N, C-alpha and C. Protein backbone atom coordinates (compact mmCIF):
# COMPACT_ATOMS: atom_id res chain seq x y z
N MET A 1 21.71 -14.53 -14.08
CA MET A 1 20.71 -14.12 -15.40
C MET A 1 20.64 -12.56 -15.57
N MET A 2 20.33 -12.13 -16.69
CA MET A 2 20.30 -10.80 -16.91
C MET A 2 19.01 -10.27 -17.09
N LYS A 3 19.03 -8.93 -16.28
CA LYS A 3 17.05 -8.68 -16.16
C LYS A 3 17.53 -7.47 -17.40
N ASN A 4 16.43 -7.29 -17.85
CA ASN A 4 15.74 -6.09 -18.45
C ASN A 4 14.99 -5.10 -17.90
N THR A 5 15.08 -3.82 -17.60
CA THR A 5 14.32 -3.01 -16.85
C THR A 5 13.56 -1.82 -17.55
N HIS A 6 12.14 -1.60 -17.64
CA HIS A 6 11.45 -0.66 -18.64
C HIS A 6 10.68 0.10 -17.83
N PRO A 7 10.99 1.27 -17.93
CA PRO A 7 10.20 2.14 -17.09
C PRO A 7 8.99 2.08 -17.26
N ILE A 8 7.73 2.63 -16.29
CA ILE A 8 6.65 2.54 -16.36
C ILE A 8 5.52 4.11 -15.91
N LEU A 9 6.43 4.40 -14.93
CA LEU A 9 5.74 5.61 -14.46
C LEU A 9 6.95 6.31 -14.10
N ASP A 10 6.62 7.41 -14.20
CA ASP A 10 8.05 8.57 -13.76
C ASP A 10 6.94 9.22 -12.17
N ALA A 11 7.89 10.34 -11.88
CA ALA A 11 7.90 11.02 -10.69
C ALA A 11 6.03 11.96 -10.92
N ALA A 12 5.84 12.38 -12.19
CA ALA A 12 5.22 13.43 -12.30
C ALA A 12 3.80 12.15 -12.52
N ASP A 13 3.92 10.72 -13.43
CA ASP A 13 3.17 10.22 -12.86
C ASP A 13 2.36 9.96 -11.60
N ILE A 14 3.49 9.08 -10.95
CA ILE A 14 2.91 9.09 -9.71
C ILE A 14 2.72 10.00 -8.86
N GLU A 15 2.49 11.09 -9.14
CA GLU A 15 1.73 12.60 -8.33
C GLU A 15 0.67 12.35 -8.93
N ARG A 16 0.40 12.23 -9.94
CA ARG A 16 -1.13 12.45 -10.40
C ARG A 16 -1.80 11.46 -10.36
N ILE A 17 -0.86 10.29 -9.93
CA ILE A 17 -1.69 8.88 -9.90
C ILE A 17 -2.43 8.98 -8.30
N ILE A 18 -1.48 9.81 -7.37
CA ILE A 18 -1.77 9.57 -5.80
C ILE A 18 -2.92 10.68 -5.65
N THR A 19 -2.83 12.12 -6.54
CA THR A 19 -3.72 12.87 -6.14
C THR A 19 -4.84 12.51 -6.76
N ARG A 20 -5.44 11.51 -7.43
CA ARG A 20 -6.58 10.99 -8.24
C ARG A 20 -7.42 9.78 -6.99
N MET A 21 -6.18 9.07 -6.55
CA MET A 21 -6.54 8.26 -5.80
C MET A 21 -6.76 9.10 -4.63
N THR A 22 -6.12 9.82 -4.07
CA THR A 22 -6.69 10.81 -2.96
C THR A 22 -8.30 10.82 -2.70
N HIS A 23 -8.36 11.92 -4.48
CA HIS A 23 -9.82 12.24 -4.40
C HIS A 23 -10.92 11.33 -4.30
N GLU A 24 -10.41 10.42 -4.88
CA GLU A 24 -11.52 8.73 -4.98
C GLU A 24 -12.01 8.48 -3.67
N ILE A 25 -10.52 8.21 -2.69
CA ILE A 25 -10.87 8.04 -1.19
C ILE A 25 -11.65 8.85 -0.80
N LEU A 26 -11.67 10.00 -0.80
CA LEU A 26 -12.34 11.39 -0.68
C LEU A 26 -13.78 11.42 -0.61
N GLU A 27 -14.14 11.38 -1.95
CA GLU A 27 -15.33 10.51 -2.58
C GLU A 27 -16.32 9.70 -1.91
N VAL A 28 -15.84 8.67 -1.82
CA VAL A 28 -16.33 7.43 -1.09
C VAL A 28 -16.49 7.85 0.21
N HIS A 29 -15.58 8.17 0.39
CA HIS A 29 -15.81 8.70 2.33
C HIS A 29 -16.59 9.87 2.72
N LYS A 30 -16.73 10.67 1.76
CA LYS A 30 -17.48 11.96 1.90
C LYS A 30 -17.23 13.10 2.81
N GLY A 31 -15.75 13.16 2.61
CA GLY A 31 -15.09 13.80 3.25
C GLY A 31 -13.69 12.89 3.91
N ALA A 32 -13.51 13.56 5.40
CA ALA A 32 -11.95 13.24 5.47
C ALA A 32 -12.13 12.61 7.13
N LYS A 33 -13.59 12.85 7.47
CA LYS A 33 -13.90 12.83 8.83
C LYS A 33 -13.87 11.21 9.63
N ASN A 34 -14.44 10.36 8.38
CA ASN A 34 -14.53 8.97 9.33
C ASN A 34 -13.81 8.24 8.71
N PHE A 35 -12.04 8.20 8.22
CA PHE A 35 -11.29 6.92 8.28
C PHE A 35 -9.91 7.56 8.70
N SER A 36 -9.20 6.41 8.40
CA SER A 36 -7.79 6.84 8.77
C SER A 36 -7.12 5.50 7.84
N LEU A 37 -5.42 6.22 7.36
CA LEU A 37 -4.83 5.53 6.86
C LEU A 37 -3.63 4.56 7.65
N ILE A 38 -3.57 3.39 7.20
CA ILE A 38 -2.69 2.26 7.26
C ILE A 38 -1.65 1.96 6.25
N GLY A 39 -0.12 2.55 6.56
CA GLY A 39 0.43 1.58 5.31
C GLY A 39 1.33 0.51 5.59
N ILE A 40 1.58 -0.29 4.59
CA ILE A 40 2.51 -1.72 5.07
C ILE A 40 3.56 -1.00 4.77
N GLN A 41 4.80 -1.82 5.79
CA GLN A 41 5.94 -1.35 5.24
C GLN A 41 6.21 -2.01 4.23
N THR A 42 7.32 -1.24 3.64
CA THR A 42 7.91 -0.08 3.85
C THR A 42 7.07 0.88 3.08
N ARG A 43 7.57 0.87 1.51
CA ARG A 43 6.60 2.11 0.77
C ARG A 43 5.01 2.36 0.72
N GLY A 44 4.49 1.29 1.04
CA GLY A 44 3.06 1.53 1.67
C GLY A 44 3.10 2.57 2.48
N VAL A 45 4.07 2.77 3.69
CA VAL A 45 3.93 3.75 4.46
C VAL A 45 4.20 5.04 4.07
N PHE A 46 4.90 5.11 2.85
CA PHE A 46 5.23 6.19 2.42
C PHE A 46 4.26 6.93 1.28
N LEU A 47 3.24 6.17 0.88
CA LEU A 47 2.18 6.24 0.13
C LEU A 47 1.10 6.86 0.73
N ALA A 48 0.97 6.55 2.16
CA ALA A 48 -0.45 6.56 3.05
C ALA A 48 0.45 8.18 3.58
N LYS A 49 1.49 8.45 3.91
CA LYS A 49 1.84 9.48 4.05
C LYS A 49 1.63 10.63 2.92
N ARG A 50 1.58 10.36 2.01
CA ARG A 50 1.61 11.22 0.88
C ARG A 50 0.46 11.37 0.44
N ILE A 51 -0.75 10.83 1.02
CA ILE A 51 -2.00 10.44 0.90
C ILE A 51 -2.95 11.08 2.24
N GLN A 52 -2.03 11.26 2.97
CA GLN A 52 -2.47 12.16 4.44
C GLN A 52 -2.19 13.55 4.22
N ALA A 53 -0.72 13.73 3.76
CA ALA A 53 -0.63 15.09 3.31
C ALA A 53 -1.54 15.62 2.46
N LEU A 54 -1.90 14.89 1.77
CA LEU A 54 -3.06 15.51 0.51
C LEU A 54 -4.48 16.12 0.57
N ILE A 55 -4.44 15.00 1.62
CA ILE A 55 -5.93 15.20 2.54
C ILE A 55 -5.91 16.34 3.37
N LYS A 56 -4.90 16.34 4.20
CA LYS A 56 -5.20 17.91 4.76
C LYS A 56 -4.65 19.14 4.06
N LYS A 57 -4.05 18.66 3.06
CA LYS A 57 -4.00 20.24 1.92
C LYS A 57 -5.50 20.74 0.96
N ILE A 58 -6.34 19.16 0.52
CA ILE A 58 -7.30 19.65 0.28
C ILE A 58 -8.60 19.72 1.50
N GLU A 59 -8.77 19.20 2.60
CA GLU A 59 -10.07 19.57 3.34
C GLU A 59 -9.29 19.67 4.69
N GLY A 60 -8.13 19.78 5.05
CA GLY A 60 -7.47 21.07 5.90
C GLY A 60 -7.67 20.15 7.32
N ILE A 61 -8.18 18.56 7.16
CA ILE A 61 -7.79 17.92 8.33
C ILE A 61 -7.02 16.81 8.07
N GLU A 62 -6.21 16.95 9.22
CA GLU A 62 -5.38 15.54 9.44
C GLU A 62 -5.68 14.53 9.93
N ILE A 63 -5.58 13.32 8.75
CA ILE A 63 -6.65 12.14 9.41
C ILE A 63 -5.43 10.85 10.14
N PRO A 64 -5.83 10.24 10.82
CA PRO A 64 -5.02 9.51 11.60
C PRO A 64 -4.38 8.30 10.16
N ALA A 65 -3.03 8.29 10.45
CA ALA A 65 -2.09 7.63 9.54
C ALA A 65 -0.96 6.32 10.45
N GLY A 66 -1.10 5.11 10.22
CA GLY A 66 -0.10 4.45 11.25
C GLY A 66 0.28 3.64 9.96
N THR A 67 1.31 2.69 10.79
CA THR A 67 2.36 1.91 9.60
C THR A 67 1.89 0.19 10.32
N VAL A 68 2.30 -0.40 9.26
CA VAL A 68 1.93 -2.56 9.65
C VAL A 68 3.01 -2.53 9.36
N ASP A 69 3.69 -3.70 9.57
CA ASP A 69 4.68 -4.51 9.39
C ASP A 69 4.17 -5.80 9.59
N ILE A 70 4.06 -6.70 8.42
CA ILE A 70 3.52 -7.96 8.12
C ILE A 70 4.27 -9.38 8.38
N THR A 71 5.81 -9.00 8.53
CA THR A 71 6.58 -9.73 8.30
C THR A 71 6.28 -10.87 9.28
N LEU A 72 5.63 -11.12 10.26
CA LEU A 72 5.57 -12.26 11.10
C LEU A 72 4.08 -12.82 10.85
N TYR A 73 3.54 -12.16 9.97
CA TYR A 73 2.22 -12.67 9.52
C TYR A 73 2.08 -13.09 8.31
N ARG A 74 3.36 -13.20 7.54
CA ARG A 74 3.05 -13.71 6.26
C ARG A 74 3.39 -15.12 6.44
N ASP A 75 2.39 -15.99 5.09
CA ASP A 75 2.39 -17.56 5.57
C ASP A 75 3.69 -17.97 4.96
N ASP A 76 4.97 -17.04 5.02
CA ASP A 76 5.99 -18.38 3.99
C ASP A 76 7.44 -17.06 4.89
N TRP A 77 6.95 -16.57 5.70
CA TRP A 77 8.26 -16.26 6.54
C TRP A 77 9.75 -16.68 6.67
N THR A 78 9.13 -18.31 7.11
CA THR A 78 10.23 -19.06 7.66
C THR A 78 10.93 -19.64 6.27
N ARG A 79 10.34 -19.36 5.20
CA ARG A 79 10.89 -19.42 3.57
C ARG A 79 11.92 -18.70 3.15
N ILE A 80 11.44 -17.46 3.90
CA ILE A 80 12.55 -16.56 3.19
C ILE A 80 13.32 -15.59 3.93
N SER A 81 13.38 -16.37 5.55
CA SER A 81 14.86 -16.14 5.83
C SER A 81 14.46 -16.43 7.40
N HIS A 82 15.89 -16.75 8.12
CA HIS A 82 16.05 -17.48 9.13
C HIS A 82 16.07 -16.12 10.35
N ASN A 83 16.29 -15.27 9.76
CA ASN A 83 16.31 -14.24 10.39
C ASN A 83 15.55 -12.91 10.06
N PRO A 84 14.41 -12.76 10.07
CA PRO A 84 13.55 -11.27 9.54
C PRO A 84 13.87 -10.13 10.18
N VAL A 85 13.83 -9.30 9.01
CA VAL A 85 13.88 -8.02 9.51
C VAL A 85 11.95 -7.62 10.03
N VAL A 86 12.13 -7.26 10.85
CA VAL A 86 10.79 -6.95 11.45
C VAL A 86 10.92 -5.28 11.88
N GLN A 87 9.63 -4.60 10.90
CA GLN A 87 10.07 -3.29 11.07
C GLN A 87 8.72 -2.67 11.72
N ALA A 88 8.81 -1.50 12.25
CA ALA A 88 7.62 -0.95 13.40
C ALA A 88 6.33 -1.31 12.48
N THR A 89 5.54 -1.36 13.50
CA THR A 89 4.11 -1.48 13.27
C THR A 89 3.68 -0.14 14.56
N ASP A 90 2.77 1.10 14.00
CA ASP A 90 2.61 1.96 14.75
C ASP A 90 1.12 2.33 14.31
N ILE A 91 0.37 1.87 15.17
CA ILE A 91 -0.86 2.25 15.09
C ILE A 91 -1.51 2.98 16.31
N PHE A 92 -1.57 4.07 16.83
CA PHE A 92 -1.35 4.65 17.41
C PHE A 92 -2.82 5.24 18.25
N PHE A 93 -4.15 4.56 17.13
CA PHE A 93 -5.18 5.37 17.02
C PHE A 93 -6.11 4.02 16.93
N SER A 94 -7.31 4.27 17.89
CA SER A 94 -8.09 2.88 17.81
C SER A 94 -8.69 2.90 16.84
N ILE A 95 -9.23 1.58 16.15
CA ILE A 95 -9.74 1.09 15.10
C ILE A 95 -10.63 0.43 15.13
N ASP A 96 -10.97 0.26 16.37
CA ASP A 96 -12.25 -0.32 16.88
C ASP A 96 -13.77 0.25 16.10
N GLY A 97 -15.18 -0.06 15.65
CA GLY A 97 -15.55 0.65 14.77
C GLY A 97 -15.66 1.70 13.64
N LYS A 98 -14.36 1.54 13.08
CA LYS A 98 -13.83 2.83 12.40
C LYS A 98 -13.38 2.26 11.00
N GLN A 99 -13.35 3.03 9.87
CA GLN A 99 -12.92 2.74 8.59
C GLN A 99 -11.36 2.81 8.51
N VAL A 100 -10.80 1.52 7.72
CA VAL A 100 -9.25 1.97 7.61
C VAL A 100 -9.41 1.94 6.33
N VAL A 101 -8.39 2.43 5.79
CA VAL A 101 -7.60 2.42 3.94
C VAL A 101 -6.70 1.60 4.35
N LEU A 102 -6.23 1.04 4.05
CA LEU A 102 -5.10 0.22 3.98
C LEU A 102 -4.19 0.73 2.58
N VAL A 103 -3.08 1.15 2.51
CA VAL A 103 -2.43 1.28 1.37
C VAL A 103 -0.97 0.35 1.46
N ASP A 104 -0.95 0.01 -0.05
CA ASP A 104 0.61 -0.65 -0.36
C ASP A 104 1.06 -0.26 -1.69
N ASP A 105 1.98 -0.85 -2.11
CA ASP A 105 2.33 0.00 -3.09
C ASP A 105 2.37 -1.03 -4.33
N VAL A 106 2.19 -2.61 -4.04
CA VAL A 106 1.96 -3.11 -5.15
C VAL A 106 1.26 -4.35 -5.14
N LEU A 107 0.23 -4.96 -5.81
CA LEU A 107 -0.97 -6.10 -5.55
C LEU A 107 -0.36 -7.13 -5.85
N PHE A 108 -0.16 -7.85 -5.80
CA PHE A 108 0.24 -9.36 -6.21
C PHE A 108 -0.57 -10.43 -6.70
N THR A 109 0.15 -11.07 -5.42
CA THR A 109 -0.90 -12.84 -4.89
C THR A 109 -2.03 -12.32 -4.02
N GLY A 110 -1.79 -10.99 -3.20
CA GLY A 110 -2.40 -11.23 -2.16
C GLY A 110 -2.44 -11.43 -0.81
N ARG A 111 -1.12 -12.18 -0.95
CA ARG A 111 -0.57 -12.61 0.23
C ARG A 111 -0.36 -11.85 1.12
N THR A 112 0.43 -10.38 0.84
CA THR A 112 0.66 -9.71 1.74
C THR A 112 -0.33 -8.60 2.37
N ILE A 113 -1.45 -8.60 1.66
CA ILE A 113 -2.56 -7.98 2.26
C ILE A 113 -3.30 -8.77 3.27
N ARG A 114 -3.69 -10.30 2.70
CA ARG A 114 -4.07 -11.22 3.80
C ARG A 114 -3.29 -11.25 5.42
N ALA A 115 -1.76 -10.89 4.74
CA ALA A 115 -1.31 -10.98 6.48
C ALA A 115 -1.31 -9.27 7.05
N ALA A 116 -1.64 -8.74 6.11
CA ALA A 116 -1.93 -7.25 7.19
C ALA A 116 -2.91 -7.09 7.46
N MET A 117 -3.92 -7.46 6.80
CA MET A 117 -5.43 -7.72 7.66
C MET A 117 -5.48 -8.46 8.95
N ASP A 118 -4.82 -9.15 8.79
CA ASP A 118 -4.49 -10.36 10.40
C ASP A 118 -3.54 -8.90 11.36
N ALA A 119 -2.56 -8.78 11.10
CA ALA A 119 -1.94 -8.09 11.87
C ALA A 119 -3.06 -6.84 12.42
N ILE A 120 -3.64 -6.13 11.58
CA ILE A 120 -4.38 -5.09 11.89
C ILE A 120 -5.62 -5.59 12.74
N MET A 121 -5.96 -6.63 12.94
CA MET A 121 -7.03 -7.68 13.43
C MET A 121 -6.69 -7.34 15.00
N ASP A 122 -5.24 -7.88 15.08
CA ASP A 122 -4.10 -8.10 16.51
C ASP A 122 -5.01 -6.48 17.08
N TYR A 123 -5.21 -5.41 16.16
CA TYR A 123 -4.90 -3.89 16.63
C TYR A 123 -6.78 -3.71 17.14
N GLY A 124 -7.41 -4.53 16.88
CA GLY A 124 -9.22 -3.82 17.10
C GLY A 124 -9.60 -4.64 15.89
N ARG A 125 -11.29 -4.22 15.92
CA ARG A 125 -11.92 -4.87 15.00
C ARG A 125 -12.88 -3.66 13.92
N PRO A 126 -12.19 -3.50 13.01
CA PRO A 126 -12.61 -2.10 12.61
C PRO A 126 -13.85 -2.35 11.41
N ASP A 127 -14.64 -1.46 11.43
CA ASP A 127 -15.69 -1.65 10.66
C ASP A 127 -15.54 -2.33 9.35
N ARG A 128 -14.98 -1.56 8.56
CA ARG A 128 -14.62 -2.19 7.60
C ARG A 128 -13.43 -1.94 7.03
N ILE A 129 -12.13 -2.64 6.12
CA ILE A 129 -10.92 -2.18 5.46
C ILE A 129 -11.38 -2.39 3.76
N GLN A 130 -10.70 -1.26 3.25
CA GLN A 130 -10.49 -1.29 2.27
C GLN A 130 -8.89 -1.19 1.76
N LEU A 131 -8.75 -1.31 0.63
CA LEU A 131 -7.70 -1.27 -0.03
C LEU A 131 -7.00 -0.35 -1.33
N ALA A 132 -6.06 0.52 -1.06
CA ALA A 132 -5.39 1.18 -1.79
C ALA A 132 -4.21 0.71 -2.28
N VAL A 133 -3.69 0.76 -3.50
CA VAL A 133 -2.72 0.65 -3.91
C VAL A 133 -2.06 1.10 -5.69
N LEU A 134 -0.85 1.30 -5.49
CA LEU A 134 -0.50 1.79 -6.89
C LEU A 134 -0.25 1.46 -7.80
N VAL A 135 -0.14 0.28 -7.61
CA VAL A 135 0.48 -0.89 -8.77
C VAL A 135 -0.50 -1.93 -8.58
N ASP A 136 -1.54 -2.53 -9.27
CA ASP A 136 -2.39 -4.33 -9.69
C ASP A 136 -1.25 -4.62 -10.65
N ARG A 137 -0.61 -5.30 -10.68
CA ARG A 137 -0.14 -6.34 -11.51
C ARG A 137 -0.73 -7.86 -11.95
N GLY A 138 -1.72 -7.92 -11.04
CA GLY A 138 -2.43 -9.21 -11.15
C GLY A 138 -1.90 -10.38 -10.55
N HIS A 139 -2.10 -11.81 -11.21
CA HIS A 139 -1.54 -12.78 -10.67
C HIS A 139 -2.18 -13.55 -9.00
N ARG A 140 -3.50 -13.21 -9.00
CA ARG A 140 -3.81 -13.48 -7.31
C ARG A 140 -4.04 -15.01 -7.20
N GLU A 141 -3.38 -15.14 -5.78
CA GLU A 141 -3.48 -16.45 -5.21
C GLU A 141 -5.05 -16.63 -3.89
N LEU A 142 -5.14 -15.17 -3.77
CA LEU A 142 -6.38 -15.05 -3.05
C LEU A 142 -7.59 -14.16 -3.40
N PRO A 143 -8.30 -14.53 -3.05
CA PRO A 143 -9.59 -13.02 -3.55
C PRO A 143 -9.54 -12.13 -2.91
N ILE A 144 -8.80 -11.30 -3.55
CA ILE A 144 -8.35 -10.18 -2.83
C ILE A 144 -8.56 -8.98 -4.05
N GLN A 145 -8.78 -7.72 -3.72
CA GLN A 145 -9.18 -6.99 -4.67
C GLN A 145 -9.02 -5.51 -4.28
N ALA A 146 -8.63 -4.43 -5.11
CA ALA A 146 -8.22 -3.78 -3.90
C ALA A 146 -9.30 -2.50 -4.19
N ASN A 147 -9.32 -1.77 -3.79
CA ASN A 147 -11.14 -0.30 -3.71
C ASN A 147 -10.40 0.69 -4.79
N TYR A 148 -9.48 1.02 -4.54
CA TYR A 148 -8.64 2.18 -5.37
C TYR A 148 -7.15 1.73 -5.87
N VAL A 149 -7.15 2.01 -7.20
CA VAL A 149 -6.24 1.45 -8.02
C VAL A 149 -5.56 2.23 -8.46
N GLY A 150 -3.82 2.27 -8.67
CA GLY A 150 -3.52 3.72 -9.09
C GLY A 150 -2.99 3.79 -10.57
N LYS A 151 -2.91 2.51 -10.38
CA LYS A 151 -2.27 1.82 -12.27
C LYS A 151 -2.37 0.32 -12.51
N HIS A 152 -3.00 0.08 -13.21
CA HIS A 152 -3.39 -1.86 -13.51
C HIS A 152 -1.94 -1.81 -14.66
N ILE A 153 -1.23 -2.90 -14.32
CA ILE A 153 0.00 -2.89 -15.04
C ILE A 153 0.17 -4.86 -15.16
N PRO A 154 -0.62 -5.31 -16.15
CA PRO A 154 -0.30 -6.99 -16.65
C PRO A 154 0.67 -7.46 -16.79
N THR A 155 0.91 -8.09 -15.84
CA THR A 155 2.84 -8.80 -15.57
C THR A 155 2.80 -10.27 -16.33
N GLY A 156 3.45 -10.60 -16.60
CA GLY A 156 3.84 -12.26 -16.38
C GLY A 156 4.38 -12.76 -15.45
N LEU A 157 4.61 -14.04 -15.05
CA LEU A 157 4.83 -14.41 -13.55
C LEU A 157 6.50 -14.47 -13.44
N LEU A 158 7.22 -14.50 -14.65
CA LEU A 158 8.77 -13.74 -14.45
C LEU A 158 8.76 -12.83 -14.46
N GLU A 159 8.54 -11.30 -14.63
CA GLU A 159 8.78 -10.32 -14.39
C GLU A 159 8.04 -9.53 -13.02
N THR A 160 8.62 -8.50 -12.69
CA THR A 160 8.74 -7.96 -11.53
C THR A 160 8.30 -6.44 -11.63
N ILE A 161 7.55 -5.84 -10.73
CA ILE A 161 7.08 -4.24 -10.84
C ILE A 161 8.08 -3.93 -9.43
N ASN A 162 8.64 -3.11 -9.90
CA ASN A 162 9.62 -2.27 -8.52
C ASN A 162 8.80 -1.00 -8.86
N VAL A 163 8.85 -0.53 -7.26
CA VAL A 163 8.62 0.73 -7.04
C VAL A 163 9.37 1.67 -6.05
N LEU A 164 9.60 3.03 -7.00
CA LEU A 164 11.02 3.40 -6.12
C LEU A 164 10.27 4.62 -5.86
N LEU A 165 10.42 5.30 -4.18
CA LEU A 165 9.66 6.31 -3.93
C LEU A 165 10.98 7.01 -3.26
N SER A 166 10.83 8.43 -3.61
CA SER A 166 12.37 9.23 -2.77
C SER A 166 12.00 9.08 -1.53
N GLU A 167 11.54 8.86 -0.65
CA GLU A 167 11.60 9.13 0.42
C GLU A 167 12.47 7.99 0.90
N TYR A 168 12.67 6.98 0.19
CA TYR A 168 13.32 5.75 0.78
C TYR A 168 14.67 5.04 -0.49
N ASP A 169 13.98 5.63 -1.56
CA ASP A 169 14.65 4.97 -2.57
C ASP A 169 15.78 6.25 -3.54
N GLY A 170 15.59 7.68 -3.00
CA GLY A 170 15.78 8.70 -3.53
C GLY A 170 14.98 9.20 -5.06
N ILE A 171 14.73 8.66 -5.55
CA ILE A 171 13.65 8.71 -6.82
C ILE A 171 12.13 8.28 -6.58
N ASP A 172 11.48 8.66 -7.43
CA ASP A 172 10.03 8.47 -7.76
C ASP A 172 10.10 8.06 -9.14
N LYS A 173 9.71 6.08 -9.19
CA LYS A 173 9.83 5.82 -10.48
C LYS A 173 9.05 4.60 -10.47
N VAL A 174 8.43 3.84 -11.25
CA VAL A 174 7.94 2.30 -11.33
C VAL A 174 8.25 1.86 -12.50
N VAL A 175 9.04 0.76 -12.28
CA VAL A 175 9.73 -0.15 -13.38
C VAL A 175 9.18 -1.57 -13.53
N LEU A 176 9.37 -1.90 -14.60
CA LEU A 176 9.03 -3.09 -14.95
C LEU A 176 10.28 -4.01 -15.36
N GLU A 177 10.59 -5.33 -14.25
CA GLU A 177 11.93 -6.21 -14.86
C GLU A 177 11.63 -7.50 -15.27
N ASN A 178 12.50 -7.59 -16.63
CA ASN A 178 12.19 -9.06 -16.67
C ASN A 178 13.66 -9.98 -16.92
N LYS A 179 13.19 -11.03 -16.50
CA LYS A 179 14.67 -12.01 -15.83
C LYS A 179 15.00 -12.62 -17.19
């Protein structure tokens, strides 16, 4: 089956979106003193680190930023692979009683976010978990909604959104693929 790829966002778009989202997060939290970031492996980790770096530049404070792998928390992991690749979870700070901003690249069905929240709860009980995503493509299967959205991109079920980030893919861009 042939795939058609359509560019949606370029590097400059992504930079502007992350800057806007960072300012929104700081506005809601009234600065950088009362929350931490946790990026979902893989690209959510890089987005969280970019937000963390912008917060340091804007506020002069380095907030904690951790990583979470949701592979074994997925409700479909046995259907995906018999040998799942588990990446690092690194939450080196206490989340008990804290506010956490969970960061991911694409919000689709909500199942990844549910799995991430389950994983985070194994590390403590935060007061609040918020969600920041670069792209919300719709088609929720669970009642999960992002607090901070970079761009809403309505898609068909046979389409996919691919986020490419320079730290992992060598380039910053978002593309829509039709099968």
